[in-house]
Amino acid sequence: MHVGMGHSGQACRKDAKCLVHEIVPEADLDAAVKRRIDEVMTAGPQGVAKAKALIREIAGAQPDHVIGVTTNAIASQRVSEEGQEGLRAFLEKRKPSWTA
């Protein structure tokens, strides 16, 4: 499962759950792992912590509950100091402060 990266094009069959995000030749495996780690490390630390907590909270929950909880969590993070810094960094085409 690949959570929170905003990517599409998962490697899976139409009828299967997408548990594989990328398939690479063995010779390219280290580079692929490094890319994924570098990508994860660009995320805001508070956002990552809140996303992990959200996943634990909604695991196995009914869809009606998931929608409300997720919507509130996203809205809360977007208006947080870290969320606002991320948005400003994006609009100003610079790296956010937590990556410095």
PDB file of N, CA and C in Angstrom:
ATOM      1  N   MET A   1       0.841  -1.178   0.000  1.00  0.00           N
ATOM      2  CA  MET A   1       0.000   0.000   0.000  1.00  0.00           C
ATOM      3  C   MET A   1       0.877   1.229   0.000  1.00  0.00           C
ATOM      4  N   HIS A   2       0.539   2.184  -0.813  1.00  0.00           N
ATOM      5  CA  HIS A   2       1.327   3.404  -0.939  1.00  0.00           C
ATOM      6  C   HIS A   2       0.433   4.555  -0.534  1.00  0.00           C
ATOM      7  N   VAL A   3       0.678   5.123   0.618  1.00  0.00           N
ATOM      8  CA  VAL A   3      -0.228   6.109   1.183  1.00  0.00           C
ATOM      9  C   VAL A   3       0.364   7.501   1.124  1.00  0.00           C
ATOM     10  N   GLY A   4      -0.395   8.445   0.640  1.00  0.00           N
ATOM     11  CA  GLY A   4      -0.051   9.847   0.791  1.00  0.00           C
ATOM     12  C   GLY A   4       1.001  10.403  -0.132  1.00  0.00           C
ATOM     13  N   MET A   5       1.333   9.741  -1.185  1.00  0.00           N
ATOM     14  CA  MET A   5       2.375  10.241  -2.058  1.00  0.00           C
ATOM     15  C   MET A   5       1.823  10.940  -3.292  1.00  0.00           C
ATOM     16  N   GLY A   6       0.557  10.790  -3.545  1.00  0.00           N
ATOM     17  CA  GLY A   6      -0.029  11.488  -4.686  1.00  0.00           C
ATOM     18  C   GLY A   6       0.393  10.932  -6.030  1.00  0.00           C
ATOM     19  N   HIS A   7       0.723   9.666  -6.092  1.00  0.00           N
ATOM     20  CA  HIS A   7       1.155   9.065  -7.346  1.00  0.00           C
ATOM     21  C   HIS A   7       0.060   8.194  -7.920  1.00  0.00           C
ATOM     22  N   SER A   8       0.104   8.045  -9.224  1.00  0.00           N
ATOM     23  CA  SER A   8      -0.798   7.105  -9.881  1.00  0.00           C
ATOM     24  C   SER A   8       0.059   6.115 -10.654  1.00  0.00           C
ATOM     25  N   GLY A   9      -0.580   5.228 -11.349  1.00  0.00           N
ATOM     26  CA  GLY A   9       0.149   4.284 -12.169  1.00  0.00           C
ATOM     27  C   GLY A   9       0.754   3.147 -11.369  1.00  0.00           C
ATOM     28  N   GLN A  10       0.035   2.691 -10.358  1.00  0.00           N
ATOM     29  CA  GLN A  10       0.524   1.577  -9.564  1.00  0.00           C
ATOM     30  C   GLN A  10       0.593   0.329 -10.423  1.00  0.00           C
ATOM     31  N   ALA A  11       1.564  -0.507 -10.129  1.00  0.00           N
ATOM     32  CA  ALA A  11       1.752  -1.735 -10.891  1.00  0.00           C
ATOM     33  C   ALA A  11       0.846  -2.823 -10.333  1.00  0.00           C
ATOM     34  N   CYS A  12      -0.303  -3.024 -10.961  1.00  0.00           N
ATOM     35  CA  CYS A  12      -1.202  -4.082 -10.523  1.00  0.00           C
ATOM     36  C   CYS A  12      -2.174  -4.412 -11.638  1.00  0.00           C
ATOM     37  N   ARG A  13      -2.773  -5.580 -11.509  1.00  0.00           N
ATOM     38  CA  ARG A  13      -3.799  -5.951 -12.464  1.00  0.00           C
ATOM     39  C   ARG A  13      -5.078  -5.189 -12.146  1.00  0.00           C
ATOM     40  N   LYS A  14      -5.940  -5.106 -13.111  1.00  0.00           N
ATOM     41  CA  LYS A  14      -7.204  -4.398 -12.954  1.00  0.00           C
ATOM     42  C   LYS A  14      -8.046  -4.958 -11.800  1.00  0.00           C
ATOM     43  N   ASP A  15      -7.993  -6.265 -11.601  1.00  0.00           N
ATOM     44  CA  ASP A  15      -8.833  -6.903 -10.592  1.00  0.00           C
ATOM     45  C   ASP A  15      -8.125  -7.138  -9.259  1.00  0.00           C
ATOM     46  N   ALA A  16      -6.907  -6.618  -9.097  1.00  0.00           N
ATOM     47  CA  ALA A  16      -6.136  -6.881  -7.876  1.00  0.00           C
ATOM     48  C   ALA A  16      -5.958  -5.609  -7.064  1.00  0.00           C
ATOM     49  N   LYS A  17      -5.775  -5.776  -5.767  1.00  0.00           N
ATOM     50  CA  LYS A  17      -5.422  -4.633  -4.933  1.00  0.00           C
ATOM     51  C   LYS A  17      -3.996  -4.241  -5.278  1.00  0.00           C
ATOM     52  N   CYS A  18      -3.739  -2.960  -5.314  1.00  0.00           N
ATOM     53  CA  CYS A  18      -2.421  -2.462  -5.711  1.00  0.00           C
ATOM     54  C   CYS A  18      -1.494  -2.401  -4.507  1.00  0.00           C
ATOM     55  N   LEU A  19      -0.768  -3.459  -4.287  1.00  0.00           N
ATOM     56  CA  LEU A  19       0.177  -3.506  -3.185  1.00  0.00           C
ATOM     57  C   LEU A  19       1.593  -3.210  -3.662  1.00  0.00           C
ATOM     58  N   VAL A  20       1.784  -3.155  -4.950  1.00  0.00           N
ATOM     59  CA  VAL A  20       3.091  -2.869  -5.534  1.00  0.00           C
ATOM     60  C   VAL A  20       3.010  -1.510  -6.203  1.00  0.00           C
ATOM     61  N   HIS A  21       3.921  -0.626  -5.829  1.00  0.00           N
ATOM     62  CA  HIS A  21       3.883   0.704  -6.424  1.00  0.00           C
ATOM     63  C   HIS A  21       4.752   0.789  -7.668  1.00  0.00           C
ATOM     64  N   GLU A  22       5.862   0.102  -7.655  1.00  0.00           N
ATOM     65  CA  GLU A  22       6.794   0.207  -8.769  1.00  0.00           C
ATOM     66  C   GLU A  22       7.544  -1.112  -8.913  1.00  0.00           C
ATOM     67  N   ILE A  23       7.770  -1.504 -10.127  1.00  0.00           N
ATOM     68  CA  ILE A  23       8.569  -2.685 -10.412  1.00  0.00           C
ATOM     69  C   ILE A  23       9.806  -2.213 -11.160  1.00  0.00           C
ATOM     70  N   VAL A  24      10.977  -2.596 -10.646  1.00  0.00           N
ATOM     71  CA  VAL A  24      12.235  -2.192 -11.275  1.00  0.00           C
ATOM     72  C   VAL A  24      13.144  -3.403 -11.406  1.00  0.00           C
ATOM     73  N   PRO A  25      14.048  -3.358 -12.374  1.00  0.00           N
ATOM     74  CA  PRO A  25      15.041  -4.436 -12.465  1.00  0.00           C
ATOM     75  C   PRO A  25      15.909  -4.443 -11.208  1.00  0.00           C
ATOM     76  N   GLU A  26      16.403  -5.596 -10.847  1.00  0.00           N
ATOM     77  CA  GLU A  26      17.221  -5.726  -9.637  1.00  0.00           C
ATOM     78  C   GLU A  26      18.375  -4.724  -9.614  1.00  0.00           C
ATOM     79  N   ALA A  27      18.978  -4.475 -10.764  1.00  0.00           N
ATOM     80  CA  ALA A  27      20.104  -3.541 -10.833  1.00  0.00           C
ATOM     81  C   ALA A  27      19.702  -2.115 -10.460  1.00  0.00           C
ATOM     82  N   ASP A  28      18.418  -1.783 -10.590  1.00  0.00           N
ATOM     83  CA  ASP A  28      17.933  -0.432 -10.291  1.00  0.00           C
ATOM     84  C   ASP A  28      17.257  -0.331  -8.928  1.00  0.00           C
ATOM     85  N   LEU A  29      17.252  -1.406  -8.166  1.00  0.00           N
ATOM     86  CA  LEU A  29      16.513  -1.439  -6.904  1.00  0.00           C
ATOM     87  C   LEU A  29      17.012  -0.403  -5.900  1.00  0.00           C
ATOM     88  N   ASP A  30      18.309  -0.295  -5.692  1.00  0.00           N
ATOM     89  CA  ASP A  30      18.837   0.666  -4.722  1.00  0.00           C
ATOM     90  C   ASP A  30      18.439   2.094  -5.081  1.00  0.00           C
ATOM     91  N   ALA A  31      18.522   2.439  -6.347  1.00  0.00           N
ATOM     92  CA  ALA A  31      18.146   3.787  -6.782  1.00  0.00           C
ATOM     93  C   ALA A  31      16.650   4.025  -6.569  1.00  0.00           C
ATOM     94  N   ALA A  32      15.829   3.016  -6.832  1.00  0.00           N
ATOM     95  CA  ALA A  32      14.386   3.157  -6.642  1.00  0.00           C
ATOM     96  C   ALA A  32      14.046   3.338  -5.169  1.00  0.00           C
ATOM     97  N   VAL A  33      14.705   2.572  -4.302  1.00  0.00           N
ATOM     98  CA  VAL A  33      14.484   2.713  -2.859  1.00  0.00           C
ATOM     99  C   VAL A  33      14.903   4.108  -2.402  1.00  0.00           C
ATOM    100  N   LYS A  34      16.040   4.585  -2.871  1.00  0.00           N
ATOM    101  CA  LYS A  34      16.514   5.927  -2.493  1.00  0.00           C
ATOM    102  C   LYS A  34      15.520   6.998  -2.940  1.00  0.00           C
ATOM    103  N   ARG A  35      14.988   6.864  -4.148  1.00  0.00           N
ATOM    104  CA  ARG A  35      13.993   7.847  -4.621  1.00  0.00           C
ATOM    105  C   ARG A  35      12.786   7.883  -3.699  1.00  0.00           C
ATOM    106  N   ARG A  36      12.303   6.706  -3.309  1.00  0.00           N
ATOM    107  CA  ARG A  36      11.120   6.638  -2.457  1.00  0.00           C
ATOM    108  C   ARG A  36      11.414   7.231  -1.084  1.00  0.00           C
ATOM    109  N   ILE A  37      12.567   6.917  -0.516  1.00  0.00           N
ATOM    110  CA  ILE A  37      12.950   7.469   0.794  1.00  0.00           C
ATOM    111  C   ILE A  37      13.088   8.983   0.705  1.00  0.00           C
ATOM    112  N   ASP A  38      13.754   9.470  -0.345  1.00  0.00           N
ATOM    113  CA  ASP A  38      13.902  10.921  -0.515  1.00  0.00           C
ATOM    114  C   ASP A  38      12.540  11.603  -0.613  1.00  0.00           C
ATOM    115  N   GLU A  39      11.614  10.950  -1.281  1.00  0.00           N
ATOM    116  CA  GLU A  39      10.267  11.496  -1.433  1.00  0.00           C
ATOM    117  C   GLU A  39       9.561  11.577  -0.079  1.00  0.00           C
ATOM    118  N   VAL A  40       9.652  10.512   0.697  1.00  0.00           N
ATOM    119  CA  VAL A  40       9.023  10.495   2.019  1.00  0.00           C
ATOM    120  C   VAL A  40       9.627  11.566   2.907  1.00  0.00           C
ATOM    121  N   MET A  41      10.914  11.773   2.793  1.00  0.00           N
ATOM    122  CA  MET A  41      11.606  12.741   3.653  1.00  0.00           C
ATOM    123  C   MET A  41      11.241  14.193   3.332  1.00  0.00           C
ATOM    124  N   THR A  42      10.567  14.448   2.221  1.00  0.00           N
ATOM    125  CA  THR A  42      10.140  15.809   1.899  1.00  0.00           C
ATOM    126  C   THR A  42       8.834  16.188   2.583  1.00  0.00           C
ATOM    127  N   ALA A  43       8.143  15.212   3.129  1.00  0.00           N
ATOM    128  CA  ALA A  43       6.848  15.469   3.773  1.00  0.00           C
ATOM    129  C   ALA A  43       7.047  16.139   5.126  1.00  0.00           C
ATOM    130  N   GLY A  44       6.113  16.975   5.496  1.00  0.00           N
ATOM    131  CA  GLY A  44       6.157  17.638   6.798  1.00  0.00           C
ATOM    132  C   GLY A  44       6.048  16.623   7.917  1.00  0.00           C
ATOM    133  N   PRO A  45       6.904  16.699   8.921  1.00  0.00           N
ATOM    134  CA  PRO A  45       6.896  15.705   9.993  1.00  0.00           C
ATOM    135  C   PRO A  45       5.577  15.637  10.767  1.00  0.00           C
ATOM    136  N   GLN A  46       4.950  16.761  11.008  1.00  0.00           N
ATOM    137  CA  GLN A  46       3.664  16.739  11.708  1.00  0.00           C
ATOM    138  C   GLN A  46       2.591  16.102  10.829  1.00  0.00           C
ATOM    139  N   GLY A  47       2.639  16.417   9.548  1.00  0.00           N
ATOM    140  CA  GLY A  47       1.682  15.830   8.615  1.00  0.00           C
ATOM    141  C   GLY A  47       1.820  14.320   8.536  1.00  0.00           C
ATOM    142  N   VAL A  48       3.056  13.839   8.520  1.00  0.00           N
ATOM    143  CA  VAL A  48       3.290  12.391   8.481  1.00  0.00           C
ATOM    144  C   VAL A  48       2.737  11.748   9.744  1.00  0.00           C
ATOM    145  N   ALA A  49       3.027  12.343  10.894  1.00  0.00           N
ATOM    146  CA  ALA A  49       2.541  11.789  12.163  1.00  0.00           C
ATOM    147  C   ALA A  49       1.018  11.766  12.192  1.00  0.00           C
ATOM    148  N   LYS A  50       0.390  12.845  11.722  1.00  0.00           N
ATOM    149  CA  LYS A  50      -1.071  12.894  11.724  1.00  0.00           C
ATOM    150  C   LYS A  50      -1.670  11.907  10.723  1.00  0.00           C
ATOM    151  N   ALA A  51      -1.009  11.717   9.590  1.00  0.00           N
ATOM    152  CA  ALA A  51      -1.498  10.749   8.602  1.00  0.00           C
ATOM    153  C   ALA A  51      -1.436   9.336   9.169  1.00  0.00           C
ATOM    154  N   LYS A  52      -0.354   9.014   9.874  1.00  0.00           N
ATOM    155  CA  LYS A  52      -0.241   7.690  10.492  1.00  0.00           C
ATOM    156  C   LYS A  52      -1.339   7.491  11.538  1.00  0.00           C
ATOM    157  N   ALA A  53      -1.586   8.513  12.344  1.00  0.00           N
ATOM    158  CA  ALA A  53      -2.644   8.418  13.359  1.00  0.00           C
ATOM    159  C   ALA A  53      -4.015   8.259  12.692  1.00  0.00           C
ATOM    160  N   LEU A  54      -4.222   8.975  11.605  1.00  0.00           N
ATOM    161  CA  LEU A  54      -5.494   8.879  10.884  1.00  0.00           C
ATOM    162  C   LEU A  54      -5.700   7.471  10.332  1.00  0.00           C
ATOM    163  N   ILE A  55      -4.660   6.887   9.768  1.00  0.00           N
ATOM    164  CA  ILE A  55      -4.775   5.529   9.223  1.00  0.00           C
ATOM    165  C   ILE A  55      -5.163   4.553  10.327  1.00  0.00           C
ATOM    166  N   ARG A  56      -4.536   4.686  11.498  1.00  0.00           N
ATOM    167  CA  ARG A  56      -4.897   3.806  12.613  1.00  0.00           C
ATOM    168  C   ARG A  56      -6.349   4.033  13.038  1.00  0.00           C
ATOM    169  N   GLU A  57      -6.776   5.285  13.034  1.00  0.00           N
ATOM    170  CA  GLU A  57      -8.140   5.599  13.481  1.00  0.00           C
ATOM    171  C   GLU A  57      -9.208   5.064  12.535  1.00  0.00           C
ATOM    172  N   ILE A  58      -8.963   5.128  11.247  1.00  0.00           N
ATOM    173  CA  ILE A  58     -10.014   4.751  10.298  1.00  0.00           C
ATOM    174  C   ILE A  58      -9.932   3.302   9.841  1.00  0.00           C
ATOM    175  N   ALA A  59      -8.895   2.597  10.228  1.00  0.00           N
ATOM    176  CA  ALA A  59      -8.763   1.191   9.818  1.00  0.00           C
ATOM    177  C   ALA A  59      -9.987   0.404  10.270  1.00  0.00           C
ATOM    178  N   GLY A  60     -10.684  -0.173   9.321  1.00  0.00           N
ATOM    179  CA  GLY A  60     -11.847  -0.990   9.630  1.00  0.00           C
ATOM    180  C   GLY A  60     -13.122  -0.212   9.914  1.00  0.00           C
ATOM    181  N   ALA A  61     -13.066   1.113   9.839  1.00  0.00           N
ATOM    182  CA  ALA A  61     -14.242   1.933  10.145  1.00  0.00           C
ATOM    183  C   ALA A  61     -15.221   1.954   8.970  1.00  0.00           C
ATOM    184  N   GLN A  62     -16.441   2.318   9.272  1.00  0.00           N
ATOM    185  CA  GLN A  62     -17.472   2.447   8.247  1.00  0.00           C
ATOM    186  C   GLN A  62     -17.180   3.662   7.366  1.00  0.00           C
ATOM    187  N   PRO A  63     -17.491   3.583   6.069  1.00  0.00           N
ATOM    188  CA  PRO A  63     -17.211   4.689   5.155  1.00  0.00           C
ATOM    189  C   PRO A  63     -17.751   6.045   5.611  1.00  0.00           C
ATOM    190  N   ASP A  64     -18.934   6.083   6.185  1.00  0.00           N
ATOM    191  CA  ASP A  64     -19.491   7.368   6.642  1.00  0.00           C
ATOM    192  C   ASP A  64     -18.590   8.007   7.697  1.00  0.00           C
ATOM    193  N   HIS A  65     -18.056   7.207   8.577  1.00  0.00           N
ATOM    194  CA  HIS A  65     -17.150   7.707   9.613  1.00  0.00           C
ATOM    195  C   HIS A  65     -15.834   8.160   8.990  1.00  0.00           C
ATOM    196  N   VAL A  66     -15.326   7.372   8.060  1.00  0.00           N
ATOM    197  CA  VAL A  66     -14.040   7.663   7.422  1.00  0.00           C
ATOM    198  C   VAL A  66     -14.079   9.009   6.698  1.00  0.00           C
ATOM    199  N   ILE A  67     -15.149   9.263   5.982  1.00  0.00           N
ATOM    200  CA  ILE A  67     -15.255  10.501   5.211  1.00  0.00           C
ATOM    201  C   ILE A  67     -15.188  11.720   6.130  1.00  0.00           C
ATOM    202  N   GLY A  68     -15.954  11.726   7.186  1.00  0.00           N
ATOM    203  CA  GLY A  68     -15.960  12.864   8.099  1.00  0.00           C
ATOM    204  C   GLY A  68     -14.635  13.064   8.809  1.00  0.00           C
ATOM    205  N   VAL A  69     -14.076  11.985   9.319  1.00  0.00           N
ATOM    206  CA  VAL A  69     -12.811  12.074  10.052  1.00  0.00           C
ATOM    207  C   VAL A  69     -11.694  12.530   9.120  1.00  0.00           C
ATOM    208  N   THR A  70     -11.654  11.962   7.921  1.00  0.00           N
ATOM    209  CA  THR A  70     -10.607  12.309   6.969  1.00  0.00           C
ATOM    210  C   THR A  70     -10.732  13.757   6.519  1.00  0.00           C
ATOM    211  N   THR A  71     -11.932  14.191   6.220  1.00  0.00           N
ATOM    212  CA  THR A  71     -12.152  15.580   5.806  1.00  0.00           C
ATOM    213  C   THR A  71     -11.692  16.545   6.887  1.00  0.00           C
ATOM    214  N   ASN A  72     -12.037  16.269   8.131  1.00  0.00           N
ATOM    215  CA  ASN A  72     -11.611  17.134   9.237  1.00  0.00           C
ATOM    216  C   ASN A  72     -10.103  17.129   9.414  1.00  0.00           C
ATOM    217  N   ALA A  73      -9.481  15.967   9.277  1.00  0.00           N
ATOM    218  CA  ALA A  73      -8.023  15.872   9.441  1.00  0.00           C
ATOM    219  C   ALA A  73      -7.301  16.658   8.354  1.00  0.00           C
ATOM    220  N   ILE A  74      -7.768  16.552   7.130  1.00  0.00           N
ATOM    221  CA  ILE A  74      -7.146  17.287   6.023  1.00  0.00           C
ATOM    222  C   ILE A  74      -7.302  18.786   6.235  1.00  0.00           C
ATOM    223  N   ALA A  75      -8.501  19.216   6.580  1.00  0.00           N
ATOM    224  CA  ALA A  75      -8.747  20.645   6.797  1.00  0.00           C
ATOM    225  C   ALA A  75      -7.889  21.173   7.937  1.00  0.00           C
ATOM    226  N   SER A  76      -7.785  20.423   9.004  1.00  0.00           N
ATOM    227  CA  SER A  76      -6.982  20.831  10.157  1.00  0.00           C
ATOM    228  C   SER A  76      -5.507  20.961   9.786  1.00  0.00           C
ATOM    229  N   GLN A  77      -5.000  20.005   9.036  1.00  0.00           N
ATOM    230  CA  GLN A  77      -3.594  20.052   8.653  1.00  0.00           C
ATOM    231  C   GLN A  77      -3.321  21.193   7.681  1.00  0.00           C
ATOM    232  N   ARG A  78      -4.226  21.464   6.786  1.00  0.00           N
ATOM    233  CA  ARG A  78      -4.019  22.547   5.811  1.00  0.00           C
ATOM    234  C   ARG A  78      -3.923  23.914   6.480  1.00  0.00           C
ATOM    235  N   VAL A  79      -4.653  24.121   7.563  1.00  0.00           N
ATOM    236  CA  VAL A  79      -4.606  25.432   8.221  1.00  0.00           C
ATOM    237  C   VAL A  79      -3.564  25.487   9.332  1.00  0.00           C
ATOM    238  N   SER A  80      -2.901  24.368   9.596  1.00  0.00           N
ATOM    239  CA  SER A  80      -1.861  24.356  10.630  1.00  0.00           C
ATOM    240  C   SER A  80      -0.648  25.152  10.154  1.00  0.00           C
ATOM    241  N   GLU A  81       0.242  25.483  11.074  1.00  0.00           N
ATOM    242  CA  GLU A  81       1.452  26.220  10.712  1.00  0.00           C
ATOM    243  C   GLU A  81       2.249  25.455   9.657  1.00  0.00           C
ATOM    244  N   GLU A  82       2.382  24.147   9.851  1.00  0.00           N
ATOM    245  CA  GLU A  82       3.140  23.348   8.886  1.00  0.00           C
ATOM    246  C   GLU A  82       2.428  23.309   7.536  1.00  0.00           C
ATOM    247  N   GLY A  83       1.130  23.154   7.546  1.00  0.00           N
ATOM    248  CA  GLY A  83       0.370  23.136   6.299  1.00  0.00           C
ATOM    249  C   GLY A  83       0.483  24.446   5.539  1.00  0.00           C
ATOM    250  N   GLN A  84       0.413  25.547   6.257  1.00  0.00           N
ATOM    251  CA  GLN A  84       0.537  26.856   5.622  1.00  0.00           C
ATOM    252  C   GLN A  84       1.948  27.075   5.065  1.00  0.00           C
ATOM    253  N   GLU A  85       2.955  26.611   5.793  1.00  0.00           N
ATOM    254  CA  GLU A  85       4.333  26.709   5.305  1.00  0.00           C
ATOM    255  C   GLU A  85       4.497  25.891   4.028  1.00  0.00           C
ATOM    256  N   GLY A  86       3.919  24.711   3.989  1.00  0.00           N
ATOM    257  CA  GLY A  86       3.990  23.886   2.793  1.00  0.00           C
ATOM    258  C   GLY A  86       3.325  24.550   1.604  1.00  0.00           C
ATOM    259  N   LEU A  87       2.176  25.147   1.823  1.00  0.00           N
ATOM    260  CA  LEU A  87       1.470  25.842   0.747  1.00  0.00           C
ATOM    261  C   LEU A  87       2.260  27.058   0.270  1.00  0.00           C
ATOM    262  N   ARG A  88       2.782  27.847   1.225  1.00  0.00           N
ATOM    263  CA  ARG A  88       3.601  29.010   0.841  1.00  0.00           C
ATOM    264  C   ARG A  88       4.826  28.571   0.043  1.00  0.00           C
ATOM    265  N   ALA A  89       5.488  27.536   0.494  1.00  0.00           N
ATOM    266  CA  ALA A  89       6.678  27.045  -0.206  1.00  0.00           C
ATOM    267  C   ALA A  89       6.315  26.618  -1.629  1.00  0.00           C
ATOM    268  N   PHE A  90       5.201  25.941  -1.787  1.00  0.00           N
ATOM    269  CA  PHE A  90       4.761  25.521  -3.111  1.00  0.00           C
ATOM    270  C   PHE A  90       4.507  26.732  -4.006  1.00  0.00           C
ATOM    271  N   LEU A  91       3.762  27.702  -3.496  1.00  0.00           N
ATOM    272  CA  LEU A  91       3.429  28.883  -4.296  1.00  0.00           C
ATOM    273  C   LEU A  91       4.655  29.734  -4.615  1.00  0.00           C
ATOM    274  N   GLU A  92       5.610  29.754  -3.698  1.00  0.00           N
ATOM    275  CA  GLU A  92       6.837  30.530  -3.894  1.00  0.00           C
ATOM    276  C   GLU A  92       7.929  29.715  -4.600  1.00  0.00           C
ATOM    277  N   LYS A  93       7.600  28.483  -4.977  1.00  0.00           N
ATOM    278  CA  LYS A  93       8.512  27.587  -5.688  1.00  0.00           C
ATOM    279  C   LYS A  93       9.849  27.426  -4.953  1.00  0.00           C
ATOM    280  N   ARG A  94       9.726  27.112  -3.660  1.00  0.00           N
ATOM    281  CA  ARG A  94      10.904  26.871  -2.827  1.00  0.00           C
ATOM    282  C   ARG A  94      10.635  25.655  -1.962  1.00  0.00           C
ATOM    283  N   LYS A  95      11.678  25.160  -1.320  1.00  0.00           N
ATOM    284  CA  LYS A  95      11.508  24.016  -0.423  1.00  0.00           C
ATOM    285  C   LYS A  95      10.942  24.504   0.906  1.00  0.00           C
ATOM    286  N   PRO A  96      10.090  23.711   1.541  1.00  0.00           N
ATOM    287  CA  PRO A  96       9.542  24.100   2.837  1.00  0.00           C
ATOM    288  C   PRO A  96      10.636  24.087   3.914  1.00  0.00           C
ATOM    289  N   SER A  97      10.398  24.793   4.982  1.00  0.00           N
ATOM    290  CA  SER A  97      11.397  24.970   6.032  1.00  0.00           C
ATOM    291  C   SER A  97      11.865  23.656   6.645  1.00  0.00           C
ATOM    292  N   TRP A  98      11.011  22.640   6.706  1.00  0.00           N
ATOM    293  CA  TRP A  98      11.407  21.396   7.363  1.00  0.00           C
ATOM    294  C   TRP A  98      12.399  20.579   6.528  1.00  0.00           C
ATOM    295  N   THR A  99      12.627  20.938   5.283  1.00  0.00           N
ATOM    296  CA  THR A  99      13.606  20.205   4.467  1.00  0.00           C
ATOM    297  C   THR A  99      14.975  20.846   4.496  1.00  0.00           C
ATOM    298  N   ALA A 100      15.085  22.001   5.128  1.00  0.00           N
ATOM    299  CA  ALA A 100      16.375  22.730   5.155  1.00  0.00           C
ATOM    300  C   ALA A 100      17.380  22.067   6.061  1.00  0.00           C
TER     301      ALA A 100
END
